[in-house]
């Protein structure tokens, strides 16, 4: 039997221009595959960005409250694209399968 690693939330992503979002993947998240500790996630759950991000709106649970909602099954590549758009990541964590694009100094 495979040892289960206890799930802990990823730290919120902070991009160089100040954009932030939560990016999670586990059995109870809106992700693919919808399991804990997958080898790779192809889609993830994004939550509560601090500003409107048009590249996320397609997946918004509540389009009227874009900074106070979750975005389910967002393709991993889209999350990486958003990070690049905002200057790269300065801090935070991403699920396995989402490319971590760090900010250039």
N, C-alpha and C. Protein backbone atom coordinates (compact mmCIF):
# COMPACT_ATOMS: atom_id res chain seq x y z
N UNK A 1 0.83 -1.17 0.00
CA UNK A 1 0.00 0.00 0.00
C UNK A 1 0.88 1.25 0.00
N UNK A 2 0.54 2.19 -0.85
CA UNK A 2 1.29 3.44 -0.96
C UNK A 2 1.03 4.31 0.27
N UNK A 3 2.10 4.86 0.84
CA UNK A 3 1.94 5.76 1.97
C UNK A 3 1.29 7.05 1.51
N UNK A 4 0.30 7.49 2.23
CA UNK A 4 -0.36 8.76 1.91
C UNK A 4 0.36 9.89 2.60
N UNK A 5 0.60 10.93 1.85
CA UNK A 5 1.20 12.14 2.40
C UNK A 5 0.05 13.03 2.83
N UNK A 6 0.06 13.50 4.08
CA UNK A 6 -1.03 14.38 4.50
C UNK A 6 -1.09 15.62 3.60
N UNK A 7 -2.31 16.00 3.24
CA UNK A 7 -2.50 17.14 2.36
C UNK A 7 -2.42 18.44 3.13
N UNK A 8 -1.67 19.37 2.61
CA UNK A 8 -1.65 20.72 3.15
C UNK A 8 -1.86 21.69 1.99
N UNK A 9 -2.49 22.79 2.27
CA UNK A 9 -2.76 23.77 1.22
C UNK A 9 -1.46 24.37 0.70
N UNK A 10 -1.42 24.58 -0.62
CA UNK A 10 -0.30 25.29 -1.22
C UNK A 10 -0.34 26.74 -0.77
N UNK A 11 0.82 27.31 -0.57
CA UNK A 11 0.90 28.73 -0.22
C UNK A 11 0.44 29.55 -1.44
N UNK A 12 -0.25 30.62 -1.17
CA UNK A 12 -0.79 31.51 -2.20
C UNK A 12 0.31 32.00 -3.14
N UNK A 13 0.03 31.99 -4.44
CA UNK A 13 0.97 32.48 -5.44
C UNK A 13 0.96 34.01 -5.42
N UNK A 14 2.15 34.59 -5.42
CA UNK A 14 2.31 36.04 -5.53
C UNK A 14 3.19 36.29 -6.75
N UNK A 15 2.69 37.08 -7.69
CA UNK A 15 3.43 37.40 -8.90
C UNK A 15 4.14 38.74 -8.75
N UNK A 16 5.08 38.98 -9.65
CA UNK A 16 5.92 40.17 -9.58
C UNK A 16 5.12 41.47 -9.58
N UNK A 17 4.01 41.52 -10.33
CA UNK A 17 3.22 42.76 -10.39
C UNK A 17 2.20 42.89 -9.26
N UNK A 18 2.21 41.94 -8.31
CA UNK A 18 1.30 42.00 -7.17
C UNK A 18 0.06 41.13 -7.30
N UNK A 19 -0.16 40.52 -8.45
CA UNK A 19 -1.29 39.61 -8.63
C UNK A 19 -1.10 38.40 -7.72
N UNK A 20 -2.18 37.97 -7.05
CA UNK A 20 -2.12 36.78 -6.20
C UNK A 20 -3.30 35.86 -6.48
N UNK A 21 -3.12 34.58 -6.23
CA UNK A 21 -4.19 33.59 -6.36
C UNK A 21 -3.79 32.34 -5.60
N UNK A 22 -4.79 31.60 -5.19
CA UNK A 22 -4.59 30.31 -4.58
C UNK A 22 -4.71 29.25 -5.68
N UNK A 23 -3.81 28.28 -5.69
CA UNK A 23 -3.87 27.19 -6.68
C UNK A 23 -3.75 25.87 -5.94
N UNK A 24 -4.82 25.07 -5.99
CA UNK A 24 -4.88 23.84 -5.21
C UNK A 24 -5.26 22.64 -6.07
N UNK A 25 -4.88 21.45 -5.61
CA UNK A 25 -5.28 20.20 -6.25
C UNK A 25 -5.23 19.08 -5.21
N UNK A 26 -6.35 18.43 -5.04
CA UNK A 26 -6.47 17.27 -4.13
C UNK A 26 -7.82 16.61 -4.40
N UNK A 27 -8.14 15.59 -3.66
CA UNK A 27 -9.37 14.82 -3.91
C UNK A 27 -10.63 15.66 -3.78
N UNK A 28 -10.61 16.70 -2.96
CA UNK A 28 -11.81 17.52 -2.77
C UNK A 28 -11.76 18.85 -3.53
N UNK A 29 -10.75 19.02 -4.37
CA UNK A 29 -10.63 20.23 -5.18
C UNK A 29 -11.21 19.98 -6.57
N UNK A 30 -11.53 21.05 -7.26
CA UNK A 30 -11.99 20.95 -8.65
C UNK A 30 -10.76 20.85 -9.55
N UNK A 31 -10.22 19.62 -9.66
CA UNK A 31 -8.99 19.39 -10.40
C UNK A 31 -9.07 18.05 -11.14
N UNK A 32 -8.11 17.83 -12.02
CA UNK A 32 -8.01 16.55 -12.73
C UNK A 32 -6.57 16.07 -12.68
N UNK A 33 -6.30 14.86 -12.24
CA UNK A 33 -7.26 13.96 -11.64
C UNK A 33 -7.71 14.46 -10.27
N UNK A 34 -8.86 14.02 -9.86
CA UNK A 34 -9.43 14.48 -8.59
C UNK A 34 -9.05 13.49 -7.49
N UNK A 35 -7.77 13.48 -7.15
CA UNK A 35 -7.21 12.60 -6.13
C UNK A 35 -6.15 13.37 -5.35
N UNK A 36 -5.82 12.86 -4.17
CA UNK A 36 -4.70 13.42 -3.41
C UNK A 36 -3.40 12.89 -3.98
N UNK A 37 -2.37 13.72 -3.96
CA UNK A 37 -1.00 13.31 -4.29
C UNK A 37 -0.84 12.68 -5.67
N UNK A 38 -1.48 13.23 -6.67
CA UNK A 38 -1.32 12.71 -8.04
C UNK A 38 0.12 12.95 -8.49
N UNK A 39 0.55 12.15 -9.45
CA UNK A 39 1.88 12.35 -10.03
C UNK A 39 1.92 13.63 -10.84
N UNK A 40 0.76 14.01 -11.40
CA UNK A 40 0.66 15.24 -12.19
C UNK A 40 -0.80 15.66 -12.26
N UNK A 41 -1.05 16.95 -12.15
CA UNK A 41 -2.40 17.49 -12.31
C UNK A 41 -2.48 18.22 -13.64
N UNK A 42 -3.52 17.91 -14.41
CA UNK A 42 -3.73 18.52 -15.72
C UNK A 42 -4.65 19.73 -15.65
N UNK A 43 -5.43 19.80 -14.59
CA UNK A 43 -6.31 20.94 -14.33
C UNK A 43 -6.35 21.11 -12.82
N UNK A 44 -6.47 22.36 -12.39
CA UNK A 44 -6.39 22.67 -10.96
C UNK A 44 -7.50 23.64 -10.56
N UNK A 45 -7.65 23.82 -9.26
CA UNK A 45 -8.60 24.79 -8.74
C UNK A 45 -7.87 26.08 -8.38
N UNK A 46 -8.35 27.18 -8.93
CA UNK A 46 -7.81 28.50 -8.60
C UNK A 46 -8.84 29.20 -7.73
N UNK A 47 -8.37 29.91 -6.74
CA UNK A 47 -9.31 30.58 -5.86
C UNK A 47 -8.91 31.99 -5.50
N UNK A 48 -9.90 32.83 -5.42
CA UNK A 48 -9.80 34.15 -4.83
C UNK A 48 -8.61 34.99 -5.31
N UNK A 49 -8.51 35.22 -6.62
CA UNK A 49 -7.46 36.13 -7.09
C UNK A 49 -7.72 37.53 -6.53
N UNK A 50 -6.68 38.31 -6.36
CA UNK A 50 -6.86 39.63 -5.76
C UNK A 50 -7.30 40.70 -6.75
N UNK A 51 -7.39 40.32 -8.04
CA UNK A 51 -7.89 41.25 -9.05
C UNK A 51 -8.50 40.45 -10.20
N UNK A 52 -9.34 41.09 -10.97
CA UNK A 52 -9.94 40.44 -12.13
C UNK A 52 -8.85 39.97 -13.08
N UNK A 53 -8.93 38.70 -13.49
CA UNK A 53 -8.01 38.16 -14.48
C UNK A 53 -8.83 37.56 -15.61
N UNK A 54 -8.92 38.25 -16.77
CA UNK A 54 -9.74 37.77 -17.88
C UNK A 54 -9.39 36.35 -18.35
N UNK A 55 -8.15 35.94 -18.20
CA UNK A 55 -7.75 34.60 -18.64
C UNK A 55 -8.35 33.49 -17.77
N UNK A 56 -8.96 33.85 -16.65
CA UNK A 56 -9.60 32.87 -15.76
C UNK A 56 -11.12 32.83 -15.89
N UNK A 57 -11.72 33.88 -16.41
CA UNK A 57 -13.17 34.05 -16.33
C UNK A 57 -13.99 32.89 -16.88
N UNK A 58 -13.48 32.20 -17.85
CA UNK A 58 -14.19 31.05 -18.43
C UNK A 58 -14.54 30.00 -17.38
N UNK A 59 -13.75 29.91 -16.32
CA UNK A 59 -13.94 28.87 -15.29
C UNK A 59 -14.53 29.41 -13.99
N UNK A 60 -14.93 30.67 -13.95
CA UNK A 60 -15.43 31.29 -12.71
C UNK A 60 -16.72 30.65 -12.25
N UNK A 61 -16.78 30.31 -10.98
CA UNK A 61 -18.01 29.80 -10.39
C UNK A 61 -19.03 30.93 -10.26
N UNK A 62 -18.57 32.13 -9.92
CA UNK A 62 -19.45 33.30 -9.80
C UNK A 62 -18.82 34.45 -10.60
N UNK A 63 -19.29 34.63 -11.82
CA UNK A 63 -18.72 35.64 -12.72
C UNK A 63 -18.98 37.06 -12.23
N UNK A 64 -19.95 37.26 -11.35
CA UNK A 64 -20.24 38.59 -10.82
C UNK A 64 -19.30 39.00 -9.69
N UNK A 65 -18.58 38.04 -9.12
CA UNK A 65 -17.65 38.29 -8.01
C UNK A 65 -16.29 37.66 -8.33
N UNK A 66 -15.58 38.16 -9.34
CA UNK A 66 -14.37 37.48 -9.81
C UNK A 66 -13.23 37.38 -8.80
N UNK A 67 -13.22 38.20 -7.76
CA UNK A 67 -12.17 38.10 -6.76
C UNK A 67 -12.64 37.38 -5.50
N UNK A 68 -13.88 36.92 -5.51
CA UNK A 68 -14.45 36.26 -4.34
C UNK A 68 -15.10 34.95 -4.74
N UNK A 69 -14.40 34.20 -5.60
CA UNK A 69 -14.95 32.94 -6.09
C UNK A 69 -13.82 31.97 -6.40
N UNK A 70 -14.20 30.74 -6.72
CA UNK A 70 -13.25 29.74 -7.16
C UNK A 70 -13.43 29.49 -8.66
N UNK A 71 -12.40 28.98 -9.25
CA UNK A 71 -12.35 28.67 -10.68
C UNK A 71 -11.96 27.20 -10.79
N UNK A 72 -12.90 26.36 -11.18
CA UNK A 72 -12.67 24.93 -11.20
C UNK A 72 -12.15 24.41 -12.51
N UNK A 73 -11.30 23.40 -12.42
CA UNK A 73 -10.77 22.68 -13.57
C UNK A 73 -10.05 23.58 -14.56
N UNK A 74 -9.27 24.52 -14.05
CA UNK A 74 -8.48 25.41 -14.91
C UNK A 74 -7.29 24.61 -15.44
N UNK A 75 -7.09 24.56 -16.75
CA UNK A 75 -5.94 23.82 -17.29
C UNK A 75 -4.62 24.32 -16.69
N UNK A 76 -3.75 23.40 -16.36
CA UNK A 76 -2.47 23.74 -15.75
C UNK A 76 -1.68 24.73 -16.59
N UNK A 77 -1.74 24.58 -17.92
CA UNK A 77 -1.02 25.48 -18.81
C UNK A 77 -1.55 26.91 -18.69
N UNK A 78 -2.84 27.06 -18.47
CA UNK A 78 -3.44 28.39 -18.33
C UNK A 78 -2.91 29.08 -17.07
N UNK A 79 -2.76 28.33 -15.99
CA UNK A 79 -2.23 28.91 -14.75
C UNK A 79 -0.80 29.41 -14.99
N UNK A 80 0.01 28.63 -15.69
CA UNK A 80 1.38 29.07 -15.99
C UNK A 80 1.37 30.32 -16.85
N UNK A 81 0.48 30.38 -17.84
CA UNK A 81 0.37 31.55 -18.71
C UNK A 81 0.01 32.80 -17.90
N UNK A 82 -0.91 32.65 -16.95
CA UNK A 82 -1.30 33.77 -16.10
C UNK A 82 -0.10 34.25 -15.27
N UNK A 83 0.67 33.32 -14.76
CA UNK A 83 1.86 33.70 -13.99
C UNK A 83 2.85 34.49 -14.85
N UNK A 84 3.06 34.05 -16.08
CA UNK A 84 3.95 34.77 -17.00
C UNK A 84 3.40 36.16 -17.27
N UNK A 85 2.10 36.25 -17.55
CA UNK A 85 1.46 37.54 -17.83
C UNK A 85 1.71 38.55 -16.70
N UNK A 86 1.77 38.06 -15.48
CA UNK A 86 1.93 38.93 -14.32
C UNK A 86 3.38 39.04 -13.85
N UNK A 87 4.31 38.70 -14.71
CA UNK A 87 5.72 38.92 -14.42
C UNK A 87 6.45 37.77 -13.77
N UNK A 88 5.78 36.65 -13.60
CA UNK A 88 6.39 35.49 -12.96
C UNK A 88 6.11 35.46 -11.47
N UNK A 89 6.42 34.33 -10.86
CA UNK A 89 6.12 34.08 -9.45
C UNK A 89 7.27 34.54 -8.57
N UNK A 90 6.94 35.28 -7.52
CA UNK A 90 7.96 35.66 -6.54
C UNK A 90 7.86 34.81 -5.28
N UNK A 91 6.68 34.25 -5.00
CA UNK A 91 6.53 33.34 -3.87
C UNK A 91 5.26 32.52 -4.03
N UNK A 92 5.20 31.42 -3.30
CA UNK A 92 4.03 30.55 -3.33
C UNK A 92 4.35 29.19 -3.88
N UNK A 93 3.33 28.34 -3.93
CA UNK A 93 3.49 26.94 -4.35
C UNK A 93 2.41 26.56 -5.35
N UNK A 94 2.78 25.65 -6.24
CA UNK A 94 1.85 25.14 -7.24
C UNK A 94 1.77 23.62 -7.15
N UNK A 95 0.64 23.04 -7.54
CA UNK A 95 0.54 21.58 -7.59
C UNK A 95 1.48 21.00 -8.66
N UNK A 96 1.81 19.75 -8.51
CA UNK A 96 2.63 19.05 -9.49
C UNK A 96 1.92 19.08 -10.84
N UNK A 97 2.65 19.45 -11.88
CA UNK A 97 2.07 19.50 -13.22
C UNK A 97 1.84 20.92 -13.70
N UNK A 98 1.92 21.88 -12.79
CA UNK A 98 1.80 23.29 -13.17
C UNK A 98 3.21 23.86 -13.16
N UNK A 99 3.66 24.35 -14.31
CA UNK A 99 5.02 24.88 -14.42
C UNK A 99 5.19 26.10 -13.53
N UNK A 100 6.22 26.09 -12.72
CA UNK A 100 6.54 27.20 -11.82
C UNK A 100 7.42 28.18 -12.59
N UNK A 101 6.85 29.29 -13.00
CA UNK A 101 7.57 30.29 -13.78
C UNK A 101 7.98 31.41 -12.83
N UNK A 102 9.24 31.38 -12.43
CA UNK A 102 9.72 32.37 -11.50
C UNK A 102 9.93 33.73 -12.16
N UNK A 103 9.81 34.77 -11.37
CA UNK A 103 10.03 36.13 -11.86
C UNK A 103 11.52 36.35 -12.11
N UNK A 104 11.83 37.10 -13.16
CA UNK A 104 13.21 37.49 -13.43
C UNK A 104 13.57 38.64 -12.51
N UNK A 105 14.78 38.63 -12.04
CA UNK A 105 15.24 39.68 -11.11
C UNK A 105 15.45 40.99 -11.82
